[in-house]
C-alpha atoms as a PDB file:
ATOM      1  CA  MET A   1       4.447-112.520  47.439  1.00  0.00           C
ATOM      2  CA  ILE A   2       6.871-113.891  44.863  1.00  0.00           C
ATOM      3  CA  ILE A   3       6.760-117.622  44.149  1.00  0.00           C
ATOM      4  CA  SER A   4      10.077-119.005  42.943  1.00  0.00           C
ATOM      5  CA  ASN A   5       8.694-121.329  40.253  1.00  0.00           C
ATOM      6  CA  PHE A   6       6.807-118.474  38.528  1.00  0.00           C
ATOM      7  CA  PRO A   7       8.684-116.437  35.930  1.00  0.00           C
ATOM      8  CA  SER A   8       9.605-113.027  37.290  1.00  0.00           C
ATOM      9  CA  SER A   9       8.107-111.350  34.228  1.00  0.00           C
ATOM     10  CA  SER A  10       4.622-112.260  35.472  1.00  0.00           C
ATOM     11  CA  PHE A  11       4.944-109.818  38.382  1.00  0.00           C
ATOM     12  CA  GLY A  12       4.818-106.082  37.977  1.00  0.00           C
ATOM     13  CA  TYR A  13       5.480-103.824  40.960  1.00  0.00           C
ATOM     14  CA  ASN A  14       7.229-100.644  42.040  1.00  0.00           C
ATOM     15  CA  TYR A  15       9.765-100.462  44.815  1.00  0.00           C
ATOM     16  CA  ASN A  16       8.361 -97.227  46.208  1.00  0.00           C
ATOM     17  CA  PRO A  17       4.725 -96.913  45.181  1.00  0.00           C
ATOM     18  CA  SER A  18       2.802 -93.783  46.092  1.00  0.00           C
ATOM     19  CA  GLY A  19      -0.274 -95.808  47.062  1.00  0.00           C
ATOM     20  CA  TYR A  20      -1.973 -99.153  46.937  1.00  0.00           C
ATOM     21  CA  SER A  21      -5.247-100.100  45.310  1.00  0.00           C
ATOM     22  CA  ILE A  22      -7.202-102.567  47.475  1.00  0.00           C
ATOM     23  CA  GLN A  23     -10.356-104.185  46.142  1.00  0.00           C
ATOM     24  CA  ASN A  24     -13.518-103.831  48.191  1.00  0.00           C
ATOM     25  CA  PHE A  25     -15.284-106.972  49.273  1.00  0.00           C
ATOM     26  CA  ASN A  26     -18.655-107.912  50.706  1.00  0.00           C
ATOM     27  CA  TYR A  27     -19.486-110.428  53.381  1.00  0.00           C
ATOM     28  CA  ILE A  28     -22.575-112.134  54.687  1.00  0.00           C
ATOM     29  CA  GLN A  29     -23.244-112.004  58.408  1.00  0.00           C
ATOM     30  CA  TYR A  30     -24.844-115.243  59.484  1.00  0.00           C
ATOM     31  CA  PRO A  31     -25.690-115.052  63.201  1.00  0.00           C
ATOM     32  CA  HIS A  32     -26.030-118.204  65.223  1.00  0.00           C
ATOM     33  CA  GLN A  33     -29.643-119.271  65.625  1.00  0.00           C
ATOM     34  CA  ARG A  34     -30.642-121.880  68.153  1.00  0.00           C
ATOM     35  CA  TYR A  35     -32.689-124.624  66.573  1.00  0.00           C
ATOM     36  CA  TYR A  36     -35.701-126.138  68.299  1.00  0.00           C
ATOM     37  CA  LEU A  37     -34.065-129.041  70.155  1.00  0.00           C
ATOM     38  CA  ASP A  38     -31.283-126.726  71.296  1.00  0.00           C
ATOM     39  CA  THR A  39     -33.665-124.301  73.030  1.00  0.00           C
ATOM     40  CA  PRO A  40     -33.571-124.692  76.833  1.00  0.00           C
ATOM     41  CA  PHE A  41     -37.251-124.203  77.648  1.00  0.00           C
ATOM     42  CA  SER A  42     -36.980-124.255  81.447  1.00  0.00           C
ATOM     43  CA  ASN A  43     -33.219-124.128  81.942  1.00  0.00           C
ATOM     44  CA  LEU A  44     -31.349-120.922  82.673  1.00  0.00           C
ATOM     45  CA  LEU A  45     -28.814-121.382  79.879  1.00  0.00           C
ATOM     46  CA  HIS A  46     -29.602-118.573  77.489  1.00  0.00           C
ATOM     47  CA  ARG A  47     -27.232-115.598  77.539  1.00  0.00           C
ATOM     48  CA  ALA A  48     -28.223-112.179  76.272  1.00  0.00           C
ATOM     49  CA  PRO A  49     -26.575-108.738  76.186  1.00  0.00           C
ATOM     50  CA  PHE A  50     -27.994-105.637  77.813  1.00  0.00           C
ATOM     51  CA  GLU A  51     -29.603-103.429  75.164  1.00  0.00           C
ATOM     52  CA  MET A  52     -31.561-100.253  75.792  1.00  0.00           C
ATOM     53  CA  SER A  53     -32.420 -96.787  74.527  1.00  0.00           C
ATOM     54  CA  PHE A  54     -30.564 -94.034  76.377  1.00  0.00           C
ATOM     55  CA  TYR A  55     -31.923 -90.471  76.670  1.00  0.00           C
ATOM     56  CA  PRO A  56     -29.360 -88.197  78.396  1.00  0.00           C
ATOM     57  CA  SER A  57     -30.758 -85.250  80.336  1.00  0.00           C
ATOM     58  CA  VAL A  58     -27.507 -83.263  80.034  1.00  0.00           C
ATOM     59  CA  ASN A  59     -25.207 -82.501  77.108  1.00  0.00           C
ATOM     60  CA  PHE A  60     -21.967 -84.400  76.557  1.00  0.00           C
ATOM     61  CA  PRO A  61     -19.630 -82.025  74.655  1.00  0.00           C
ATOM     62  CA  ALA A  62     -16.835 -83.555  72.570  1.00  0.00           C
ATOM     63  CA  GLN A  63     -13.638 -84.097  74.557  1.00  0.00           C
ATOM     64  CA  SER A  64     -10.054 -85.115  73.838  1.00  0.00           C
ATOM     65  CA  GLY A  65      -7.138 -86.735  75.593  1.00  0.00           C
ATOM     66  CA  SER A  66      -8.147 -88.429  78.831  1.00  0.00           C
ATOM     67  CA  SER A  67     -11.159 -86.192  79.596  1.00  0.00           C
ATOM     68  CA  TYR A  68     -13.619 -89.046  79.492  1.00  0.00           C
ATOM     69  CA  HIS A  69     -17.369 -88.958  79.879  1.00  0.00           C
ATOM     70  CA  MET A  70     -18.643 -91.900  81.919  1.00  0.00           C
ATOM     71  CA  ILE A  71     -21.703 -94.135  81.817  1.00  0.00           C
ATOM     72  CA  ASN A  72     -22.147 -96.843  84.428  1.00  0.00           C
ATOM     73  CA  ILE A  73     -24.600 -99.723  84.327  1.00  0.00           C
ATOM     74  CA  ALA A  74     -25.326-101.348  87.688  1.00  0.00           C
ATOM     75  CA  TYR A  75     -26.887-104.777  87.269  1.00  0.00           C
ATOM     76  CA  PRO A  76     -28.285-107.029  90.010  1.00  0.00           C
ATOM     77  CA  SER A  77     -26.625-110.174  91.322  1.00  0.00           C
ATOM     78  CA  THR A  78     -29.305-112.220  89.567  1.00  0.00           C
ATOM     79  CA  PHE A  79     -27.266-111.839  86.372  1.00  0.00           C
ATOM     80  CA  GLY A  80     -24.384-114.256  85.989  1.00  0.00           C
ATOM     81  CA  ASP A  81     -21.135-112.749  84.729  1.00  0.00           C
ATOM     82  CA  ALA A  82     -17.450-113.611  84.464  1.00  0.00           C
ATOM     83  CA  SER A  83     -14.226-111.662  84.915  1.00  0.00           C
ATOM     84  CA  MET A  84     -11.958-111.358  81.886  1.00  0.00           C
ATOM     85  CA  PHE A  85      -8.758-113.393  81.705  1.00  0.00           C
ATOM     86  CA  LYS A  86      -6.246-114.158  78.964  1.00  0.00           C
ATOM     87  CA  ILE A  87      -4.944-117.375  77.436  1.00  0.00           C
ATOM     88  CA  ARG A  88      -1.785-116.138  75.734  1.00  0.00           C
ATOM     89  CA  ASP A  89      -3.229-113.561  73.293  1.00  0.00           C
ATOM     90  CA  ILE A  90      -6.882-114.668  73.557  1.00  0.00           C
ATOM     91  CA  GLN A  91      -9.142-112.577  75.763  1.00  0.00           C
ATOM     92  CA  VAL A  92     -11.843-114.674  77.403  1.00  0.00           C
ATOM     93  CA  PHE A  93     -15.051-113.115  78.790  1.00  0.00           C
ATOM     94  CA  ARG A  94     -14.116-109.727  77.424  1.00  0.00           C
ATOM     95  CA  PRO A  95     -16.692-106.975  78.010  1.00  0.00           C
ATOM     96  CA  VAL A  96     -17.749-105.137  74.857  1.00  0.00           C
ATOM     97  CA  CYS A  97     -19.776-101.923  74.762  1.00  0.00           C
ATOM     98  CA  TYR A  98     -21.524-100.050  71.955  1.00  0.00           C
ATOM     99  CA  LEU A  99     -23.021 -96.574  72.212  1.00  0.00           C
ATOM    100  CA  ASN A 100     -24.757 -94.996  69.232  1.00  0.00           C
ATOM    101  CA  ASN A 101     -23.341 -97.811  67.055  1.00  0.00           C
ATOM    102  CA  GLN A 102     -19.790 -96.930  68.089  1.00  0.00           C
ATOM    103  CA  ARG A 103     -17.550 -99.460  69.778  1.00  0.00           C
ATOM    104  CA  ILE A 104     -16.363 -98.068  73.124  1.00  0.00           C
ATOM    105  CA  ARG A 105     -12.690 -98.826  73.562  1.00  0.00           C
ATOM    106  CA  GLN A 106     -12.649 -98.038  77.278  1.00  0.00           C
ATOM    107  CA  CYS A 107     -15.164-100.651  78.398  1.00  0.00           C
ATOM    108  CA  SER A 108     -14.626-102.442  81.700  1.00  0.00           C
ATOM    109  CA  ILE A 109     -16.619-104.610  84.080  1.00  0.00           C
ATOM    110  CA  ASP A 110     -16.397-104.931  87.863  1.00  0.00           C
ATOM    111  CA  THR A 111     -17.883-108.333  88.641  1.00  0.00           C
ATOM    112  CA  THR A 112     -17.491-107.784  92.384  1.00  0.00           C
ATOM    113  CA  ASN A 113     -19.633-104.656  92.539  1.00  0.00           C
ATOM    114  CA  LYS A 114     -21.689-105.562  89.422  1.00  0.00           C
ATOM    115  CA  ILE A 115     -20.893-102.372  87.487  1.00  0.00           C
ATOM    116  CA  ILE A 116     -20.044-101.881  83.813  1.00  0.00           C
ATOM    117  CA  THR A 117     -18.224 -98.645  82.924  1.00  0.00           C
ATOM    118  CA  LEU A 118     -18.126 -96.918  79.533  1.00  0.00           C
ATOM    119  CA  SER A 119     -15.578 -94.116  79.078  1.00  0.00           C
ATOM    120  CA  PHE A 120     -15.791 -92.139  75.851  1.00  0.00           C
ATOM    121  CA  LEU A 121     -14.944 -88.767  74.278  1.00  0.00           C
ATOM    122  CA  PHE A 122     -17.576 -88.091  71.600  1.00  0.00           C
ATOM    123  CA  ALA A 123     -20.560 -85.798  72.060  1.00  0.00           C
ATOM    124  CA  LEU A 124     -24.141 -86.656  73.040  1.00  0.00           C
ATOM    125  CA  SER A 125     -27.151 -84.335  72.958  1.00  0.00           C
ATOM    126  CA  THR A 126     -30.023 -84.023  75.382  1.00  0.00           C
ATOM    127  CA  SER A 127     -33.389 -85.609  74.616  1.00  0.00           C
ATOM    128  CA  THR A 128     -31.818 -87.681  71.826  1.00  0.00           C
ATOM    129  CA  LYS A 129     -32.261 -91.435  71.723  1.00  0.00           C
ATOM    130  CA  TYR A 130     -29.042 -93.478  71.640  1.00  0.00           C
ATOM    131  CA  HIS A 131     -28.758 -97.213  71.365  1.00  0.00           C
ATOM    132  CA  LEU A 132     -26.678 -98.770  74.157  1.00  0.00           C
ATOM    133  CA  LYS A 133     -25.472-102.365  74.132  1.00  0.00           C
ATOM    134  CA  VAL A 134     -23.208-104.184  76.592  1.00  0.00           C
ATOM    135  CA  SER A 135     -22.137-107.806  76.431  1.00  0.00           C
ATOM    136  CA  ILE A 136     -19.496-110.325  77.486  1.00  0.00           C
ATOM    137  CA  LEU A 137     -17.803-112.377  74.770  1.00  0.00           C
ATOM    138  CA  ASP A 138     -15.852-115.606  74.905  1.00  0.00           C
ATOM    139  CA  SER A 139     -13.437-115.866  71.978  1.00  0.00           C
ATOM    140  CA  ARG A 140     -13.535-119.657  72.254  1.00  0.00           C
ATOM    141  CA  ASN A 141     -17.302-120.050  72.022  1.00  0.00           C
ATOM    142  CA  PRO A 142     -19.622-117.803  69.948  1.00  0.00           C
ATOM    143  CA  ASP A 143     -22.647-118.946  71.966  1.00  0.00           C
ATOM    144  CA  ILE A 144     -21.331-117.123  75.029  1.00  0.00           C
ATOM    145  CA  ASN A 145     -22.524-113.610  74.301  1.00  0.00           C
ATOM    146  CA  GLY A 146     -24.067-111.743  77.205  1.00  0.00           C
ATOM    147  CA  PHE A 147     -25.246-112.450  80.730  1.00  0.00           C
ATOM    148  CA  LEU A 148     -27.105-115.315  82.385  1.00  0.00           C
ATOM    149  CA  SER A 149     -30.250-114.455  84.301  1.00  0.00           C
ATOM    150  CA  SER A 150     -31.858-116.401  87.137  1.00  0.00           C
ATOM    151  CA  ILE A 151     -35.164-114.505  87.319  1.00  0.00           C
ATOM    152  CA  ALA A 152     -37.830-113.770  84.739  1.00  0.00           C
ATOM    153  CA  VAL A 153     -38.214-110.005  85.258  1.00  0.00           C
ATOM    154  CA  SER A 154     -35.305-107.626  85.850  1.00  0.00           C
ATOM    155  CA  SER A 155     -34.294-103.976  85.840  1.00  0.00           C
ATOM    156  CA  LEU A 156     -30.979-102.111  85.605  1.00  0.00           C
ATOM    157  CA  VAL A 157     -29.741 -98.825  87.051  1.00  0.00           C
ATOM    158  CA  LEU A 158     -27.893 -96.513  84.668  1.00  0.00           C
ATOM    159  CA  TYR A 159     -26.030 -93.445  85.895  1.00  0.00           C
ATOM    160  CA  TYR A 160     -23.856 -91.089  83.882  1.00  0.00           C
ATOM    161  CA  LYS A 161     -21.659 -88.030  84.239  1.00  0.00           C
ATOM    162  CA  PRO A 162     -20.161 -85.792  81.557  1.00  0.00           C
ATOM    163  CA  TYR A 163     -16.521 -84.889  82.047  1.00  0.00           C
ATOM    164  CA  GLY A 164     -16.125 -82.128  84.623  1.00  0.00           C
ATOM    165  CA  ALA A 165     -19.603 -82.558  86.127  1.00  0.00           C
ATOM    166  CA  SER A 166     -19.789 -82.728  89.907  1.00  0.00           C
ATOM    167  CA  THR A 167     -22.861 -84.964  90.208  1.00  0.00           C
ATOM    168  CA  TRP A 168     -24.082 -88.187  88.633  1.00  0.00           C
ATOM    169  CA  GLN A 169     -27.385 -88.386  86.789  1.00  0.00           C
ATOM    170  CA  TYR A 170     -29.398 -91.504  87.641  1.00  0.00           C
ATOM    171  CA  THR A 171     -32.071 -93.377  85.747  1.00  0.00           C
ATOM    172  CA  GLU A 172     -33.573 -96.834  86.015  1.00  0.00           C
ATOM    173  CA  THR A 173     -34.781 -99.025  83.203  1.00  0.00           C
ATOM    174  CA  ASP A 174     -38.327-100.256  83.029  1.00  0.00           C
ATOM    175  CA  GLN A 175     -38.762-103.818  84.160  1.00  0.00           C
ATOM    176  CA  PHE A 176     -38.274-106.134  81.229  1.00  0.00           C
ATOM    177  CA  PRO A 177     -38.768-109.881  80.741  1.00  0.00           C
ATOM    178  CA  THR A 178     -35.244-111.192  81.082  1.00  0.00           C
ATOM    179  CA  LEU A 179     -36.021-114.699  79.885  1.00  0.00           C
ATOM    180  CA  TYR A 180     -38.996-113.837  77.660  1.00  0.00           C
ATOM    181  CA  SER A 181     -40.925-115.792  80.267  1.00  0.00           C
ATOM    182  CA  LEU A 182     -44.031-115.147  82.286  1.00  0.00           C
ATOM    183  CA  PRO A 183     -43.562-113.124  85.501  1.00  0.00           C
ATOM    184  CA  THR A 184     -44.564-116.196  87.511  1.00  0.00           C
ATOM    185  CA  GLY A 185     -40.970-117.423  87.409  1.00  0.00           C
ATOM    186  CA  ALA A 186     -38.309-118.681  85.055  1.00  0.00           C
ATOM    187  CA  THR A 187     -38.161-122.236  86.364  1.00  0.00           C
ATOM    188  CA  ALA A 188     -41.805-122.828  85.486  1.00  0.00           C
ATOM    189  CA  GLY A 189     -41.418-121.536  81.951  1.00  0.00           C
ATOM    190  CA  PRO A 190     -42.350-120.889  79.280  1.00  0.00           C
ATOM    191  CA  PHE A 191     -39.022-120.081  77.679  1.00  0.00           C
ATOM    192  CA  ARG A 192     -39.583-117.394  75.052  1.00  0.00           C
ATOM    193  CA  GLY A 193     -43.284-118.011  75.453  1.00  0.00           C
ATOM    194  CA  ILE A 194     -43.222-121.644  74.268  1.00  0.00           C
ATOM    195  CA  THR A 195     -44.738-123.986  76.848  1.00  0.00           C
ATOM    196  CA  ALA A 196     -44.435-127.262  74.946  1.00  0.00           C
ATOM    197  CA  GLY A 197     -43.495-128.639  71.565  1.00  0.00           C
ATOM    198  CA  THR A 198     -42.948-131.777  69.554  1.00  0.00           C
ATOM    199  CA  VAL A 199     -41.104-132.506  66.308  1.00  0.00           C
ATOM    200  CA  THR A 200     -41.809-135.447  63.995  1.00  0.00           C
ATOM    201  CA  TYR A 201     -40.247-136.277  60.633  1.00  0.00           C
ATOM    202  CA  GLY A 202     -40.785-138.714  57.819  1.00  0.00           C
ATOM    203  CA  HIS A 203     -37.544-140.697  57.655  1.00  0.00           C
ATOM    204  CA  THR A 204     -33.849-140.647  58.590  1.00  0.00           C
ATOM    205  CA  VAL A 205     -32.334-141.232  55.144  1.00  0.00           C
ATOM    206  CA  PRO A 206     -29.568-138.659  54.470  1.00  0.00           C
ATOM    207  CA  SER A 207     -29.778-136.392  51.395  1.00  0.00           C
ATOM    208  CA  GLN A 208     -33.378-137.323  50.655  1.00  0.00           C
ATOM    209  CA  LEU A 209     -36.410-135.062  50.575  1.00  0.00           C
ATOM    210  CA  ASN A 210     -38.095-135.123  53.964  1.00  0.00           C
ATOM    211  CA  TYR A 211     -40.841-133.395  55.909  1.00  0.00           C
ATOM    212  CA  ILE A 212     -40.825-132.008  59.437  1.00  0.00           C
ATOM    213  CA  ASN A 213     -43.929-131.443  61.525  1.00  0.00           C
ATOM    214  CA  MET A 214     -43.495-128.967  64.389  1.00  0.00           C
ATOM    215  CA  LEU A 215     -46.245-128.524  66.965  1.00  0.00           C
ATOM    216  CA  LEU A 216     -45.663-125.547  69.267  1.00  0.00           C
ATOM    217  CA  THR A 217     -47.829-124.500  72.205  1.00  0.00           C
ATOM    218  CA  PHE A 218     -47.675-120.964  73.596  1.00  0.00           C
ATOM    219  CA  ASN A 219     -49.965-118.635  75.515  1.00  0.00           C
ATOM    220  CA  ARG A 220     -48.646-115.215  74.562  1.00  0.00           C
ATOM    221  CA  THR A 221     -50.745-112.727  72.602  1.00  0.00           C
ATOM    222  CA  ASP A 222     -47.935-110.428  71.434  1.00  0.00           C
ATOM    223  CA  ILE A 223     -46.212-112.804  69.001  1.00  0.00           C
ATOM    224  CA  THR A 224     -45.860-111.282  65.547  1.00  0.00           C
ATOM    225  CA  GLY A 225     -43.764-113.991  63.896  1.00  0.00           C
ATOM    226  CA  LEU A 226     -42.076-117.348  64.326  1.00  0.00           C
ATOM    227  CA  VAL A 227     -38.638-118.458  63.106  1.00  0.00           C
ATOM    228  CA  PHE A 228     -38.207-122.093  62.048  1.00  0.00           C
END
């Protein structure tokens, strides 16, 4: 960029450089955290991605071109989803997939049949644990990340096929607490194990030292930490 009111002698450049030197930079990832009053204790408003450990029982050799391996995730109708659409160049409710910390470019979702498909070319080995994550993102709202659930306990069916294989391999996830709620039902709570809570504070004067008293009630025995 050359600014007209700067003297030209202050810029030094070559017309045909052999390379460019670009400075590295760091960034801080600050994920959105719901605060206490924003937590829907008994409402089905919390979205979450599907995350699991995947152990293939067959090898996936490295491929090229359009010889894709395939992994399908069949999820029940109790999960709310949304089909992707575009507003000019913005993709809304776009499915995103990660396998072994690699973003899967060929990631699609069939909201009619409730199936998510991952198509990839890299290799996977048998009896090796791979992290698998699937979500739906809304470019207009960072809070929309994942699926809505209407029941407390759920399970998914995962089936996969290496390129050229004639049969699909099936597996089913263990039942997991979708809403971090008791198996008695999501509408009765507790949401994330918290059954009740109150917040009191000293004053409402801005920019002054204050205190906050939070009283939380929960009946879970597996809690190892709390975030305030």
